[in-house]
Amino acid sequence: MKEITIGILCPGDMGHSIGKVLVSNGLTVITCLEGRSERTKTLARKAGIEDVPSCQSLVKEAGIIL
């Protein structure tokens, strides 16, 4: 079974929490942190969410987008 990469558009208060649960269950979670606040960047990194360089990259790489 192929693993699906999950893309999170808004990794702030709610998004990073969802991402953290997905990562803790072994899934790959990505987001684009370009233009986001330092707080959001910190939350996403602590949750284990991987940063991609652009929203276009996120759309190309993710099988599911939240």
Protein backbone atom coordinates (compact mmCIF):
# COMPACT_ATOMS: atom_id res chain seq x y z
CA MET A 1 0.00 0.00 0.00
CA LYS A 2 1.41 3.36 -1.04
CA GLU A 3 1.66 6.00 1.68
CA ILE A 4 -0.29 9.17 0.98
CA THR A 5 1.30 12.53 1.75
CA ILE A 6 -1.04 14.93 3.53
CA GLY A 7 -0.84 18.65 2.76
CA ILE A 8 -2.00 21.21 5.30
CA LEU A 9 -2.75 24.67 3.95
CA CYS A 10 -3.04 26.46 7.30
CA PRO A 11 -0.63 25.00 9.88
CA GLY A 12 -1.57 27.43 12.66
CA ASP A 13 -3.46 26.64 15.86
CA MET A 14 -5.70 23.89 14.49
CA GLY A 15 -3.66 22.79 11.48
CA HIS A 16 -0.49 22.01 13.41
CA SER A 17 -2.48 19.95 15.93
CA ILE A 18 -4.01 17.85 13.18
CA GLY A 19 -0.61 17.53 11.52
CA LYS A 20 0.99 16.42 14.78
CA VAL A 21 -1.53 13.57 15.14
CA LEU A 22 -0.98 12.48 11.54
CA VAL A 23 2.82 12.58 11.91
CA SER A 24 2.65 10.65 15.20
CA ASN A 25 0.77 7.94 13.30
CA GLY A 26 3.53 7.62 10.72
CA LEU A 27 2.17 9.77 7.91
CA THR A 28 4.11 12.34 5.93
CA VAL A 29 2.64 15.82 6.38
CA ILE A 30 3.72 18.87 4.39
CA THR A 31 2.91 22.58 4.30
CA CYS A 32 4.22 25.76 2.72
CA LEU A 33 5.48 28.16 5.40
CA GLU A 34 6.30 30.96 2.96
CA GLY A 35 4.80 34.21 4.28
CA ARG A 36 3.62 32.63 7.54
CA SER A 37 4.31 34.11 10.97
CA GLU A 38 7.24 32.93 13.06
CA ARG A 39 4.75 31.49 15.55
CA THR A 40 3.09 29.38 12.86
CA LYS A 41 6.47 28.27 11.52
CA THR A 42 7.52 27.18 15.02
CA LEU A 43 4.25 25.30 15.63
CA ALA A 44 4.55 23.46 12.31
CA ARG A 45 8.19 22.49 12.87
CA LYS A 46 7.50 21.26 16.41
CA ALA A 47 4.65 19.13 15.04
CA GLY A 48 7.02 17.49 12.54
CA ILE A 49 5.35 18.99 9.51
CA GLU A 50 7.73 19.30 6.56
CA ASP A 51 8.07 22.65 4.78
CA VAL A 52 7.87 22.72 0.99
CA PRO A 53 9.02 25.72 -1.06
CA SER A 54 5.66 26.75 -2.55
CA CYS A 55 1.93 26.11 -2.59
CA GLN A 56 2.39 24.65 -6.07
CA SER A 57 4.80 22.08 -4.60
CA LEU A 58 2.30 21.25 -1.89
CA VAL A 59 -0.45 20.62 -4.47
CA LYS A 60 1.85 18.44 -6.59
CA GLU A 61 3.20 16.36 -3.69
CA ALA A 62 0.10 15.89 -1.54
CA GLY A 63 -2.46 13.18 -2.18
CA ILE A 64 -4.86 14.83 0.28
CA ILE A 65 -5.05 18.52 1.19
CA LEU A 66 -6.63 19.77 4.40
